[in-house]
């Protein structure tokens, strides 16, 4: 039974590869990867210090927004319980 599934998947994968090759999809994908690689070479990546600073800013922003959300929720719950 193992041999059947091995042959089955080889045929399925081989057939898919042949179809993609024949329709030109593999060439398009290769061109896409090449263009992506070229564009990534043009990017300027942050230094380690810039990355650490940005991470701290994001973490603090999340904490402040989370704290504000909790306080607003508590206030609205208190207000709703007083009204009912």
Protein backbone atom coordinates (compact mmCIF):
# COMPACT_ATOMS: atom_id res chain seq x y z
CA UNK A 1 0.00 0.00 0.00
CA UNK A 2 2.91 2.40 0.71
CA UNK A 3 4.19 1.98 -2.84
CA UNK A 4 0.80 2.98 -4.24
CA UNK A 5 0.76 6.27 -2.32
CA UNK A 6 4.35 7.02 -3.21
CA UNK A 7 3.62 6.53 -6.91
CA UNK A 8 0.36 8.47 -6.57
CA UNK A 9 2.04 11.53 -5.05
CA UNK A 10 4.96 11.39 -7.49
CA UNK A 11 2.45 11.42 -10.38
CA UNK A 12 0.38 14.24 -8.83
CA UNK A 13 3.40 16.43 -8.06
CA UNK A 14 5.07 15.62 -11.38
CA UNK A 15 1.86 16.36 -13.29
CA UNK A 16 1.41 19.65 -11.44
CA UNK A 17 5.01 20.62 -12.17
CA UNK A 18 4.60 19.73 -15.86
CA UNK A 19 1.38 21.75 -16.11
CA UNK A 20 2.95 24.79 -14.44
CA UNK A 21 6.02 24.52 -16.67
CA UNK A 22 3.93 24.19 -19.82
CA UNK A 23 1.71 27.18 -19.03
CA UNK A 24 4.68 29.38 -18.12
CA UNK A 25 3.76 29.79 -14.48
CA UNK A 26 7.17 28.61 -13.27
CA UNK A 27 8.94 31.21 -15.40
CA UNK A 28 6.65 33.93 -14.07
CA UNK A 29 7.30 32.80 -10.50
CA UNK A 30 11.07 32.77 -11.09
CA UNK A 31 10.87 36.31 -12.52
CA UNK A 32 8.82 37.41 -9.52
CA UNK A 33 11.43 36.01 -7.12
CA UNK A 34 14.24 37.71 -9.03
CA UNK A 35 12.46 41.08 -9.04
CA UNK A 36 11.69 40.74 -5.33
CA UNK A 37 15.34 40.00 -4.57
CA UNK A 38 16.41 43.09 -6.56
CA UNK A 39 13.91 45.31 -4.75
CA UNK A 40 14.99 44.03 -1.34
CA UNK A 41 18.60 44.95 -2.17
CA UNK A 42 17.46 48.57 -2.62
CA UNK A 43 15.89 48.73 0.85
CA UNK A 44 17.64 50.33 3.76
CA UNK A 45 17.25 48.25 6.87
CA UNK A 46 17.26 49.77 10.37
CA UNK A 47 20.30 49.49 12.57
CA UNK A 48 20.13 47.42 15.75
CA UNK A 49 19.74 50.56 17.89
CA UNK A 50 16.94 51.93 15.69
CA UNK A 51 15.17 48.58 15.86
CA UNK A 52 15.40 48.46 19.67
CA UNK A 53 14.11 52.04 19.91
CA UNK A 54 11.17 51.34 17.63
CA UNK A 55 10.34 48.19 19.59
CA UNK A 56 10.23 50.17 22.83
CA UNK A 57 7.95 52.80 21.26
CA UNK A 58 5.56 50.12 19.97
CA UNK A 59 5.50 48.29 23.32
CA UNK A 60 4.77 51.51 25.23
CA UNK A 61 2.06 52.47 22.76
CA UNK A 62 0.40 49.08 23.19
CA UNK A 63 0.53 49.40 26.99
CA UNK A 64 -0.93 52.92 26.93
CA UNK A 65 -3.71 52.01 24.53
CA UNK A 66 -4.48 48.86 26.51
CA UNK A 67 -4.62 50.82 29.75
CA UNK A 68 -6.90 53.41 28.20
CA UNK A 69 -9.19 50.68 26.87
CA UNK A 70 -9.41 48.99 30.29
CA UNK A 71 -10.16 52.29 32.05
CA UNK A 72 -12.79 53.26 29.49
CA UNK A 73 -14.41 49.83 29.82
CA UNK A 74 -14.48 50.09 33.61
CA UNK A 75 -15.95 53.58 33.42
CA UNK A 76 -18.69 52.53 31.00
CA UNK A 77 -19.48 49.45 33.11
CA UNK A 78 -19.75 51.62 36.23
CA UNK A 79 -21.95 54.11 34.38
CA UNK A 80 -24.17 51.33 33.00
CA UNK A 81 -24.56 49.71 36.42
CA UNK A 82 -25.56 53.07 37.96
CA UNK A 83 -28.19 53.66 35.27
CA UNK A 84 -29.85 50.26 35.63
